[in-house]
Each structure stands twice: as structure tokens, then as C-alpha cells.
Amino acid sequence: MRRTKIIATFGPSCKNEETIRKLIKSGVNIFRFNFSHSNADEHINNAKIVRKIANEMGVRLAFLQDLAGPKIRIGKIKNDKAVLRDEQIFKITTREIEGNEEIISVNFKEILNYVQKNDIMLIAEGTIVLKVVEVNEDEIITRVLKGGEISSNKGLNLPFKEIDVSALTEKDLEDIKKGIEFGFDYVAVSFVQKPSDIELVRYYLRKFGSLSKIIAKIEKPSAVMRIEDIIDVSDGIMIARGDLGIEFPIEELPIIQKKFIKLCIQKGKPVITATQMLESMINNPSPTRAEVTDVANAVIDGSDALMLSGETAIGSYPVEAVSIMDKIIRKVESSIDYSRPPFRVSQAQLDINDAVAFAAYELSKFSNAKAIVAYTFSGDTAKRVAKFRPSVPIVAITPNEFVANQLVLSWGIIPIVSEMVNSFEEMVNIARIKVKELGLVKELSKIVIIAGLPLKVPGNTNLIHLTDVH
């Protein structure tokens, strides 16, 4: 089995139902819907189609709603294109105008309060570099350090600036409401700067009656500086290397990635490595050698999931991108030594529940068990086991359909929905049946069962049982 999960971004390239089926067959575990593009109703309709197809195929998927967030963007440009020349003077205004080669508008009126002479501004993911010459009443006058072609609504970045804006826009709130109607398993929050940004989103999700988990997208220097606190209040993070590579020195990205993945593993929170993983496959049927190595390193680091963006959303080879990522992951995982946890247990801050999960992990090694079966009401028990990265599958049995869907994102977990058991004997019998149905046991073997008693109390992991499966 493949332990590291694959996220595919939905877009024009995968609207065909046959393509969706092929993507699922090729190994997609989670579909991401990017609410920065298209409208909410279109995303919801597409998500319903994907869910219908997955149900017909008997495949459990998770669905991720990625909010647009308070992104600073330039406005509309005449004929949707302008070419900026090196060293030319170029103006940015807060007035609503149609842009051209000399001036563009920006959607963030307060930008004048955050820039000063000699500041650097970046457009279109850093492909255009501007240096501020002067700031006037409603204009920023810049000199083009690196020119090129720009189009309407591209992003504008102010590197190393902490912008005092709400983590949620009015559009985000409306999109959340629409998303609740569908039932997204995860909501990704863009441009997180501090823990209170996540707490604000959680407040509205609960207010609107949503049980969705929250993924904090790490793409701002201010989030990097507060990473541990942000991980603590989130249900997982996404290392969004696109904007992060614009806002932060690019040579530090590999160090940040490795550090943050390790932190998430220790804290038992899912971590997604994202952006430009197989970027060249947007236009080519095979990846570069560097991209293959990038995917491999993200697996070796311990990512719960790897995300494809433009590769599946707008690329010419969406199915091939998923298939190749699946092959790389499987090959790399087959070479990893899972006999030791990915961190020093003696130095980690473990509570009693973690200690029980670690004991189940150790018991699975010494008994040569074929699987660890985690009975879980909230998903917590299974994720605690996953943080130790065992060599055997983690079968999570839960009575909650929503929890099962959310566990799809977590490393090495196979979620199964089953009715709540009423006794210890029933728990053992169902565990035996499920591992045989999954094909994890073909002859006399052992499995480790971990649970919390009483069974309906979340966060109460206190039982380990070793049993034979015939």
C-alpha cells in the first residue's frame, strides 16, 4: 500500500467524467477545489460530480476547500495583457482604472500605508520585480527591475511585510457557507499570519454548523515565525511553497520544509507539501529529474500528502502526473526504513495517549503484526499511531463517516466506517474481519488493536490488544 497521500487540484483539465475516473484509479486520495478561481456554485457542482463517481467506484475520497483569502491582486488590464520593460517607470494606483503598460490598479486600498521608498514589490509570483521610487496620495511610483508580461488579476506581493488584514474576506465567508452545504472535509486558510487567524475561521465554521477540519497554509514570513503556535491551533498545515518562495529567501525553503514536516509529525498533525512538485508536466508528459527528486525528498521527509496544482487543474497530462507521482512515492517508500520513529521519542513531549500509541507501534514490530487496527471516535487514536510512522498499515475503524473521510489525508491510514461496537469481544471480531476484507492478512497472522475505553469518549486512548487472525 502507498502511505503518502496524493491531492489533485480540480480544474478545466479534469472536468470530463472519464478523466475523473482515471485520476481516482491512478491514485488520487483528496480533491482540492481552489476558490481563488471560478465561482462557488461551479466548485460545488464539480465536487458533487466527483463524489458521485467515487461512490460508484467504491472509493473513499476527502474533499478540500481552499479559500482565496486576502490576496493582494492587480486589477483588469486592457486586452488582458501588458509588457513591462526593464528600467521603465510603472505606477500602481488605488483608483479603479483599466490598466496598461504604464499603470495598473490594485484591490487593496490600504497598500499605501505599507510601502515606502526602496521597497521591493513583486507581481505574478515574482516574475515581475518593482522597486518603489515614490509614494503619493493614491499612487505608488516604481521602477521596473525585472520586466515581462503581466495579465489581469495577478497577485502582488510585498516581501517581509506583515499586512494587518482579516484572514477572512467577505467572499471567503460566503464560500464557507456554500462549502458547508456540500460538506467539505477540510478548509484551507490562505495567507495565515498568526494563530488568531485560524481561531477566527474555526469560530465561523462552528457558528455555521460545520465540522470541517482546518488546514493553515504557510506562505507568509509572519506565519513562519509563529509556526509552532499556528500548528497547535490548526488541524494540519500546507507548506505552500509558491507564495512562501516569493515572500521568503528561496534558499531557505528546503530547510523550512524539513523543519515544518518534522514538527507536524511530532505534534500528530497532517502536513501537505505543495506547489510545483511536477510543474513541467503541465505541458510535458514526463517530469524533470529535479522534480522526481523533489517528490522523493518530500516523501522521505515524512509528508502526509503531496499536492498537484496546475498539473491536474490546467495541465495537458493530469492523469499522467498522478500516475507518475504514485510510482515515485511507492518506489521511495519501499526504500525507507520504518523500523524507527522519525523523531527521538525520548525528547518528544508525549502524553499518556501518545505513550499508548507508541506502545502499539513497538508491539507491532516485536510481534511481526500485519496491521495496527485503531478504533477511533474522533480520529485522534489513529493519528497518534501514524505519528510514529509504522511499517504496517493503520486501519482506522470509526462509526463516523465524516471522520473517516478526514482520515484519508493522514499518512498510512486506511479509514473504514463500522457501527459502534458494544463490547471488547465484538471489537476484536470486527477488527479480524476488516483486515481480512482488506487483504492485509492471508494466513495465520497477528494484528495489534488499539482503542479507548469507554469507546465513545474521544481522546481516551488506553487499550492495546494483540490477537491472532486465522
Protein backbone atom coordinates (compact mmCIF):
# COMPACT_ATOMS: atom_id res chain seq x y z
CA MET A 1 0.00 0.00 0.00
CA ARG A 2 1.01 3.62 -0.51
CA ARG A 3 1.31 5.54 2.74
CA THR A 4 1.77 9.11 1.44
CA LYS A 5 -1.46 10.52 0.02
CA ILE A 6 -1.97 12.43 -3.25
CA ILE A 7 -4.02 15.62 -3.59
CA ALA A 8 -5.21 16.68 -7.05
CA THR A 9 -6.48 20.19 -7.75
CA PHE A 10 -9.71 20.16 -9.74
CA GLY A 11 -9.88 22.36 -12.83
CA PRO A 12 -10.73 22.51 -16.53
CA SER A 13 -8.35 19.64 -17.32
CA CYS A 14 -10.30 17.15 -15.23
CA LYS A 15 -13.92 18.13 -15.81
CA ASN A 16 -14.55 15.13 -18.04
CA GLU A 17 -16.10 12.28 -16.04
CA GLU A 18 -13.84 9.71 -17.67
CA THR A 19 -10.80 11.77 -16.65
CA ILE A 20 -12.09 11.91 -13.06
CA ARG A 21 -12.38 8.11 -13.04
CA LYS A 22 -8.85 7.77 -14.38
CA LEU A 23 -7.49 10.19 -11.77
CA ILE A 24 -9.12 8.18 -8.97
CA LYS A 25 -7.83 4.90 -10.41
CA SER A 26 -4.35 6.42 -10.74
CA GLY A 27 -4.23 7.17 -7.03
CA VAL A 28 -5.87 10.47 -6.09
CA ASN A 29 -6.94 10.45 -2.43
CA ILE A 30 -8.07 14.06 -2.00
CA PHE A 31 -9.53 16.55 -4.44
CA ARG A 32 -8.77 20.23 -3.85
CA PHE A 33 -11.11 22.95 -5.07
CA ASN A 34 -9.36 26.32 -5.38
CA PHE A 35 -11.88 29.05 -4.59
CA SER A 36 -9.47 31.71 -5.86
CA HIS A 37 -10.69 30.72 -9.31
CA SER A 38 -14.20 30.12 -10.69
CA ASN A 39 -17.29 30.68 -8.54
CA ALA A 40 -18.51 28.76 -5.53
CA ASP A 41 -21.54 27.23 -7.26
CA GLU A 42 -19.36 25.80 -10.02
CA HIS A 43 -16.97 24.29 -7.47
CA ILE A 44 -19.83 22.74 -5.51
CA ASN A 45 -21.34 21.21 -8.66
CA ASN A 46 -17.97 19.77 -9.68
CA ALA A 47 -17.38 18.38 -6.18
CA LYS A 48 -20.76 16.66 -6.29
CA ILE A 49 -19.84 15.02 -9.59
CA VAL A 50 -16.53 13.78 -8.16
CA ARG A 51 -18.25 12.42 -5.05
CA LYS A 52 -20.87 10.63 -7.17
CA ILE A 53 -18.19 8.98 -9.30
CA ALA A 54 -16.12 7.99 -6.25
CA ASN A 55 -19.19 6.42 -4.63
CA GLU A 56 -19.91 4.47 -7.82
CA MET A 57 -16.30 3.24 -7.80
CA GLY A 58 -16.44 2.36 -4.09
CA VAL A 59 -13.51 4.67 -3.31
CA ARG A 60 -13.33 6.89 -0.24
CA LEU A 61 -12.05 10.38 -1.03
CA ALA A 62 -11.54 13.54 1.01
CA PHE A 63 -12.55 16.97 -0.28
CA LEU A 64 -10.53 20.13 0.41
CA GLN A 65 -11.97 23.64 0.06
CA ASP A 66 -9.11 26.12 -0.47
CA LEU A 67 -10.26 29.67 0.37
CA ALA A 68 -8.99 32.62 -1.68
CA GLY A 69 -8.05 34.67 1.38
CA PRO A 70 -6.95 38.32 1.48
CA LYS A 71 -4.71 38.13 -1.58
CA ILE A 72 -3.49 41.46 -2.95
CA ARG A 73 -4.19 41.48 -6.69
CA ILE A 74 -3.76 43.89 -9.55
CA GLY A 75 -6.86 44.91 -11.48
CA LYS A 76 -8.05 44.45 -15.03
CA ILE A 77 -5.60 45.24 -17.82
CA LYS A 78 -6.65 46.43 -21.29
CA ASN A 79 -6.71 43.44 -23.66
CA ASP A 80 -5.70 41.35 -20.60
CA LYS A 81 -2.01 41.86 -21.32
CA ALA A 82 0.75 44.39 -20.73
CA VAL A 83 4.50 44.15 -21.27
CA LEU A 84 6.79 45.94 -18.82
CA ARG A 85 10.33 46.90 -19.87
CA ASP A 86 13.36 46.84 -17.60
CA GLU A 87 14.10 50.26 -16.03
CA GLN A 88 10.81 51.86 -17.10
CA ILE A 89 8.69 53.84 -14.64
CA PHE A 90 5.50 51.99 -13.69
CA LYS A 91 2.65 53.20 -11.47
CA ILE A 92 0.30 51.33 -9.12
CA THR A 93 -2.87 53.15 -8.09
CA THR A 94 -5.71 52.58 -5.65
CA ARG A 95 -8.09 54.18 -8.15
CA GLU A 96 -10.29 51.85 -10.17
CA ILE A 97 -8.91 52.07 -13.69
CA GLU A 98 -8.21 49.82 -16.64
CA GLY A 99 -4.50 49.06 -16.57
CA ASN A 100 -1.90 49.26 -19.31
CA GLU A 101 1.91 49.32 -19.77
CA GLU A 102 2.21 52.44 -17.62
CA ILE A 103 -0.23 52.00 -14.73
CA ILE A 104 -2.38 49.36 -13.02
CA SER A 105 -4.90 49.38 -10.19
CA VAL A 106 -4.73 47.26 -7.03
CA ASN A 107 -7.58 45.80 -4.94
CA PHE A 108 -6.03 46.70 -1.56
CA LYS A 109 -6.69 50.37 -0.83
CA GLU A 110 -4.53 50.41 2.30
CA ILE A 111 -1.40 49.37 0.39
CA LEU A 112 -0.14 52.98 0.55
CA ASN A 113 0.29 52.56 4.32
CA TYR A 114 2.65 49.59 3.92
CA VAL A 115 5.15 50.70 1.28
CA GLN A 116 7.92 53.26 1.29
CA LYS A 117 10.79 54.32 -0.91
CA ASN A 118 13.21 51.50 -1.91
CA ASP A 119 10.75 48.72 -1.01
CA ILE A 120 10.53 45.78 -3.41
CA MET A 121 7.18 44.75 -4.91
CA LEU A 122 6.58 41.51 -6.82
CA ILE A 123 3.87 40.70 -9.37
CA ALA A 124 2.83 37.35 -10.86
CA GLU A 125 4.71 35.08 -8.43
CA GLY A 126 7.87 37.18 -8.61
CA THR A 127 8.23 37.18 -12.39
CA ILE A 128 7.92 41.00 -12.31
CA VAL A 129 10.13 42.90 -9.83
CA LEU A 130 9.50 46.55 -8.97
CA LYS A 131 11.37 48.99 -6.73
CA VAL A 132 9.41 51.81 -5.08
CA VAL A 133 10.62 55.28 -6.07
CA GLU A 134 7.90 57.41 -4.50
CA VAL A 135 4.56 57.07 -2.68
CA ASN A 136 1.87 59.67 -3.40
CA GLU A 137 -1.71 60.22 -2.24
CA ASP A 138 -3.20 57.49 -4.40
CA GLU A 139 -0.22 56.14 -6.36
CA ILE A 140 2.97 54.19 -5.90
CA ILE A 141 5.62 55.11 -8.44
CA THR A 142 8.07 52.29 -9.15
CA ARG A 143 10.98 51.42 -11.38
CA VAL A 144 10.91 48.05 -13.14
CA LEU A 145 13.92 45.96 -12.10
CA LYS A 146 12.74 42.86 -13.95
CA GLY A 147 10.18 43.22 -16.70
CA GLY A 148 7.98 40.85 -18.60
CA GLU A 149 4.37 40.17 -19.48
CA ILE A 150 1.54 40.51 -16.96
CA SER A 151 -2.18 39.82 -17.21
CA SER A 152 -5.27 40.85 -15.27
CA ASN A 153 -5.82 39.89 -11.61
CA LYS A 154 -2.31 38.58 -10.95
CA GLY A 155 -1.06 38.50 -7.37
CA LEU A 156 1.04 41.29 -5.89
CA ASN A 157 3.43 40.55 -3.03
CA LEU A 158 5.15 42.82 -0.51
CA PRO A 159 8.01 40.65 0.77
CA PHE A 160 8.61 40.65 4.54
CA LYS A 161 5.61 42.90 5.23
CA GLU A 162 3.01 41.87 7.81
CA ILE A 163 -0.27 43.21 6.49
CA ASP A 164 -2.96 43.97 9.06
CA VAL A 165 -5.94 42.40 7.33
CA SER A 166 -8.55 39.86 8.39
CA ALA A 167 -7.78 36.26 7.49
CA LEU A 168 -11.31 36.02 6.07
CA THR A 169 -12.77 38.20 3.36
CA GLU A 170 -16.49 38.61 2.71
CA LYS A 171 -16.02 36.28 -0.26
CA ASP A 172 -14.41 33.65 2.00
CA LEU A 173 -17.37 33.75 4.40
CA GLU A 174 -19.84 33.27 1.55
CA ASP A 175 -17.69 30.46 0.13
CA ILE A 176 -17.58 28.76 3.55
CA LYS A 177 -21.38 28.84 3.71
CA LYS A 178 -21.63 27.31 0.25
CA GLY A 179 -19.00 24.73 1.17
CA ILE A 180 -20.92 23.64 4.24
CA GLU A 181 -23.88 22.74 2.01
CA PHE A 182 -21.62 20.25 0.22
CA GLY A 183 -19.69 19.11 3.29
CA PHE A 184 -16.01 19.68 2.63
CA ASP A 185 -13.81 17.62 4.92
CA TYR A 186 -11.11 20.28 5.11
CA VAL A 187 -10.97 24.05 4.72
CA ALA A 188 -7.59 25.54 3.82
CA VAL A 189 -6.98 29.08 5.04
CA SER A 190 -4.80 31.23 2.79
CA PHE A 191 -2.20 33.80 3.91
CA VAL A 192 -2.29 32.86 7.58
CA GLN A 193 -0.15 35.21 9.65
CA LYS A 194 -0.96 34.33 13.26
CA PRO A 195 -2.87 31.77 15.39
CA SER A 196 -5.87 34.07 15.79
CA ASP A 197 -6.45 33.83 12.03
CA ILE A 198 -7.19 30.12 12.45
CA GLU A 199 -9.28 30.72 15.55
CA LEU A 200 -11.41 33.20 13.58
CA VAL A 201 -12.08 30.67 10.83
CA ARG A 202 -12.91 27.98 13.40
CA TYR A 203 -15.37 30.35 15.07
CA TYR A 204 -17.28 30.86 11.84
CA LEU A 205 -17.19 27.18 10.89
CA ARG A 206 -18.72 26.24 14.24
CA LYS A 207 -21.17 29.14 14.05
CA PHE A 208 -22.38 27.87 10.67
CA GLY A 209 -22.56 24.29 11.96
CA SER A 210 -19.53 22.85 10.13
CA LEU A 211 -17.33 20.02 11.39
CA SER A 212 -14.66 20.66 8.75
CA LYS A 213 -11.03 20.49 9.84
CA ILE A 214 -8.77 23.49 9.19
CA ILE A 215 -5.53 23.48 7.21
CA ALA A 216 -3.28 26.51 7.71
CA LYS A 217 -1.45 27.45 4.52
CA ILE A 218 2.06 28.58 5.39
CA GLU A 219 3.03 31.19 2.81
CA LYS A 220 3.94 34.32 4.80
CA PRO A 221 7.12 35.11 6.80
CA SER A 222 4.93 36.06 9.77
CA ALA A 223 3.48 32.52 9.77
CA VAL A 224 6.97 31.02 9.61
CA MET A 225 7.94 32.99 12.71
CA ARG A 226 4.88 31.69 14.63
CA ILE A 227 4.79 28.20 13.18
CA GLU A 228 4.52 26.15 16.39
CA ASP A 229 1.60 28.21 17.70
CA ILE A 230 -0.14 28.01 14.33
CA ILE A 231 0.30 24.22 14.15
CA ASP A 232 -1.12 23.91 17.68
CA VAL A 233 -4.39 25.66 16.80
CA SER A 234 -4.75 24.11 13.33
CA ASP A 235 -5.75 20.59 12.30
CA GLY A 236 -2.85 20.46 9.84
CA ILE A 237 -0.73 22.69 7.63
CA MET A 238 0.09 23.12 3.96
CA ILE A 239 3.63 24.19 3.08
CA ALA A 240 2.60 26.41 0.16
CA ARG A 241 5.97 26.85 -1.47
CA GLY A 242 4.71 29.17 -4.22
CA ASP A 243 3.95 32.34 -2.25
CA LEU A 244 6.36 31.31 0.50
CA GLY A 245 9.18 31.24 -2.05
CA ILE A 246 8.25 34.77 -3.09
CA GLU A 247 7.96 36.19 0.40
CA PHE A 248 10.92 34.34 1.92
CA PRO A 249 14.53 33.82 0.72
CA ILE A 250 14.17 30.92 -1.71
CA GLU A 251 17.33 29.17 -0.49
CA GLU A 252 15.69 28.69 2.90
CA LEU A 253 12.67 26.79 1.53
CA PRO A 254 14.19 23.28 1.81
CA ILE A 255 15.19 23.94 5.43
CA ILE A 256 11.72 25.28 6.26
CA GLN A 257 10.05 22.31 4.59
CA LYS A 258 12.04 19.72 6.51
CA LYS A 259 11.67 21.53 9.83
CA PHE A 260 7.91 22.02 9.49
CA ILE A 261 7.25 18.45 8.39
CA LYS A 262 9.14 17.16 11.43
CA LEU A 263 7.21 19.50 13.74
CA CYS A 264 3.86 18.32 12.36
CA ILE A 265 4.81 14.66 12.70
CA GLN A 266 5.79 15.18 16.34
CA LYS A 267 2.52 17.01 17.04
CA GLY A 268 0.44 14.43 15.16
CA LYS A 269 -0.90 16.95 12.66
CA PRO A 270 -1.15 16.21 8.91
CA VAL A 271 1.27 18.16 6.71
CA ILE A 272 0.84 18.77 2.98
CA THR A 273 3.80 19.64 0.76
CA ALA A 274 2.54 21.70 -2.16
CA THR A 275 3.36 23.73 -5.27
CA GLN A 276 5.42 22.97 -8.37
CA MET A 277 6.01 19.35 -7.50
CA LEU A 278 5.67 18.20 -11.11
CA GLU A 279 5.24 21.65 -12.66
CA SER A 280 6.78 20.79 -16.03
CA MET A 281 4.04 18.19 -16.54
CA ILE A 282 1.56 21.00 -17.17
CA ASN A 283 2.96 20.94 -20.70
CA ASN A 284 5.06 17.77 -20.87
CA PRO A 285 4.16 14.07 -20.49
CA SER A 286 7.10 13.38 -18.15
CA PRO A 287 8.70 15.30 -15.27
CA THR A 288 12.22 16.63 -14.93
CA ARG A 289 14.78 14.69 -12.90
CA ALA A 290 14.81 17.52 -10.36
CA GLU A 291 11.03 17.25 -9.91
CA VAL A 292 11.26 13.50 -9.33
CA THR A 293 13.88 14.15 -6.66
CA ASP A 294 11.72 16.88 -5.10
CA VAL A 295 8.77 14.48 -4.78
CA ALA A 296 11.07 11.79 -3.38
CA ASN A 297 12.53 14.13 -0.75
CA ALA A 298 9.07 15.24 0.37
CA VAL A 299 8.20 11.55 0.91
CA ILE A 300 11.46 10.87 2.75
CA ASP A 301 10.84 13.93 4.94
CA GLY A 302 7.54 12.34 6.02
CA SER A 303 4.83 14.42 4.32
CA ASP A 304 1.30 13.13 4.90
CA ALA A 305 0.29 14.25 1.42
CA LEU A 306 1.75 15.77 -1.74
CA MET A 307 -0.31 18.20 -3.76
CA LEU A 308 -0.60 18.69 -7.51
CA SER A 309 -1.88 22.12 -8.57
CA GLY A 310 -1.72 23.26 -12.18
CA GLU A 311 -0.58 19.77 -13.17
CA THR A 312 -4.13 18.44 -12.77
CA ALA A 313 -6.15 21.68 -12.87
CA ILE A 314 -4.99 23.12 -16.20
CA GLY A 315 -2.29 20.72 -17.41
CA SER A 316 -2.27 18.67 -20.58
CA TYR A 317 -1.37 15.46 -18.73
CA PRO A 318 -3.38 15.33 -15.46
CA VAL A 319 -3.70 11.53 -15.29
CA GLU A 320 -0.04 11.01 -16.19
CA ALA A 321 1.01 13.44 -13.43
CA VAL A 322 -0.92 11.47 -10.81
CA SER A 323 0.36 8.12 -12.12
CA ILE A 324 3.99 9.25 -12.06
CA MET A 325 3.65 10.74 -8.59
CA ASP A 326 2.11 7.47 -7.40
CA LYS A 327 5.02 5.48 -8.87
CA ILE A 328 7.64 7.76 -7.31
CA ILE A 329 6.00 7.59 -3.88
CA ARG A 330 5.69 3.79 -3.93
CA LYS A 331 9.28 3.30 -5.02
CA VAL A 332 10.68 5.70 -2.44
CA GLU A 333 8.55 4.29 0.38
CA SER A 334 9.83 0.79 -0.42
CA SER A 335 13.36 2.02 0.34
CA ILE A 336 12.60 3.73 3.66
CA ASP A 337 13.44 2.06 6.96
CA TYR A 338 10.27 2.31 9.07
CA SER A 339 11.74 0.34 11.97
CA ARG A 340 12.38 3.58 13.89
CA PRO A 341 10.14 6.62 14.51
CA PRO A 342 11.01 9.77 12.53
CA PHE A 343 11.90 11.61 15.74
CA ARG A 344 13.52 10.84 19.09
CA VAL A 345 10.71 9.62 21.28
CA SER A 346 12.72 10.31 24.44
CA GLN A 347 12.92 14.00 23.52
CA ALA A 348 9.34 14.41 22.32
CA GLN A 349 6.59 15.79 24.52
CA LEU A 350 4.32 12.76 24.73
CA ASP A 351 1.20 12.46 26.84
CA ILE A 352 -0.39 9.24 28.08
CA ASN A 353 -2.37 8.75 24.87
CA ASP A 354 0.82 9.13 22.82
CA ALA A 355 2.60 6.64 25.07
CA VAL A 356 -0.11 4.04 24.46
CA ALA A 357 0.09 4.67 20.70
CA PHE A 358 3.88 4.29 20.82
CA ALA A 359 3.49 1.03 22.72
CA ALA A 360 1.15 -0.25 19.98
CA TYR A 361 3.74 0.76 17.39
CA GLU A 362 6.50 -1.09 19.28
CA LEU A 363 4.31 -4.15 19.82
CA SER A 364 3.55 -4.33 16.09
CA LYS A 365 7.30 -4.55 15.40
CA PHE A 366 8.18 -7.15 18.00
CA SER A 367 5.16 -9.35 17.21
CA ASN A 368 5.58 -9.02 13.44
CA ALA A 369 1.94 -7.94 13.24
CA LYS A 370 0.44 -7.33 9.80
CA ALA A 371 -1.61 -4.30 10.79
CA ILE A 372 -2.50 -1.92 13.60
CA VAL A 373 -6.26 -1.53 13.99
CA ALA A 374 -7.27 1.72 15.68
CA TYR A 375 -10.81 2.08 16.97
CA THR A 376 -11.45 5.82 16.96
CA PHE A 377 -14.44 8.05 17.51
CA SER A 378 -12.76 11.36 16.59
CA GLY A 379 -9.82 10.11 14.53
CA ASP A 380 -7.36 11.03 17.27
CA THR A 381 -6.21 7.49 18.14
CA ALA A 382 -5.33 6.63 14.53
CA LYS A 383 -3.40 9.88 14.03
CA ARG A 384 -1.45 9.30 17.23
CA VAL A 385 -0.30 5.94 15.86
CA ALA A 386 0.53 7.48 12.47
CA LYS A 387 2.95 9.99 14.01
CA PHE A 388 5.37 7.11 14.71
CA ARG A 389 5.26 6.06 11.01
CA PRO A 390 4.84 2.27 11.48
CA SER A 391 5.84 -0.14 8.73
CA VAL A 392 2.39 -1.78 8.70
CA PRO A 393 -0.99 -0.33 7.61
CA ILE A 394 -3.07 1.56 10.17
CA VAL A 395 -6.71 0.53 9.82
CA ALA A 396 -8.91 3.17 11.43
CA ILE A 397 -12.39 1.92 12.32
CA THR A 398 -14.89 4.66 13.16
CA PRO A 399 -18.69 4.96 13.26
CA ASN A 400 -18.42 8.48 11.84
CA GLU A 401 -18.47 8.91 8.04
CA PHE A 402 -17.08 12.45 8.26
CA VAL A 403 -14.19 11.35 10.47
CA ALA A 404 -13.38 8.52 8.07
CA ASN A 405 -13.23 10.98 5.17
CA GLN A 406 -10.95 13.32 7.13
CA LEU A 407 -8.58 10.46 7.98
CA VAL A 408 -7.98 9.90 4.26
CA LEU A 409 -5.46 12.77 4.42
CA SER A 410 -3.33 11.22 7.16
CA TRP A 411 -0.20 9.19 6.45
CA GLY A 412 -0.62 5.41 6.31
CA ILE A 413 -4.24 5.33 7.48
CA ILE A 414 -6.95 3.22 5.83
CA PRO A 415 -10.27 4.52 7.22
CA ILE A 416 -13.30 2.25 7.49
CA VAL A 417 -16.82 3.06 8.71
CA SER A 418 -18.40 0.50 11.00
CA GLU A 419 -21.15 0.62 13.58
CA MET A 420 -20.10 1.39 17.13
CA VAL A 421 -19.12 -1.80 18.93
CA ASN A 422 -20.71 -2.61 22.26
CA SER A 423 -18.16 -4.96 23.77
CA PHE A 424 -14.47 -5.87 23.74
CA GLU A 425 -15.20 -9.22 22.07
CA GLU A 426 -17.15 -7.54 19.28
CA MET A 427 -14.30 -5.06 18.79
CA VAL A 428 -11.76 -7.88 18.32
CA ASN A 429 -14.02 -9.85 15.95
CA ILE A 430 -14.74 -6.84 13.72
CA ALA A 431 -11.03 -5.97 13.58
CA ARG A 432 -10.25 -9.51 12.37
CA ILE A 433 -12.97 -9.35 9.73
CA LYS A 434 -11.91 -5.95 8.40
CA VAL A 435 -8.20 -6.77 7.97
CA LYS A 436 -9.16 -9.93 6.07
CA GLU A 437 -11.57 -8.00 3.85
CA LEU A 438 -8.77 -5.55 3.04
CA GLY A 439 -6.47 -8.39 2.10
CA LEU A 440 -3.91 -7.46 4.75
CA VAL A 441 -3.93 -10.96 6.23
CA LYS A 442 -3.77 -14.09 4.09
CA GLU A 443 -2.77 -16.72 6.65
CA LEU A 444 -2.33 -17.08 10.41
CA SER A 445 -1.06 -13.65 11.48
CA LYS A 446 -1.19 -11.19 14.32
CA ILE A 447 -2.69 -7.74 14.48
CA VAL A 448 -2.45 -5.06 17.15
CA ILE A 449 -5.67 -3.40 18.29
CA ILE A 450 -5.59 0.00 19.96
CA ALA A 451 -8.63 1.79 21.35
CA GLY A 452 -10.01 3.86 24.17
CA LEU A 453 -12.42 2.56 26.74
CA PRO A 454 -15.15 3.60 27.12
CA LEU A 455 -15.36 3.58 23.31
CA LYS A 456 -17.45 6.73 22.85
CA VAL A 457 -15.07 9.07 24.69
CA PRO A 458 -12.76 10.96 22.27
CA GLY A 459 -9.09 11.39 23.22
CA ASN A 460 -9.08 8.46 25.62
CA THR A 461 -6.56 6.00 24.15
CA ASN A 462 -5.89 3.45 26.87
CA LEU A 463 -6.09 -0.10 25.46
CA ILE A 464 -3.74 -2.33 23.42
CA HIS A 465 -4.55 -5.91 22.45
CA LEU A 466 -2.54 -8.40 20.41
CA THR A 467 -4.63 -11.05 18.67
CA ASP A 468 -4.35 -13.76 16.04
CA VAL A 469 -6.22 -13.66 12.73
CA HIS A 470 -6.94 -17.01 11.06
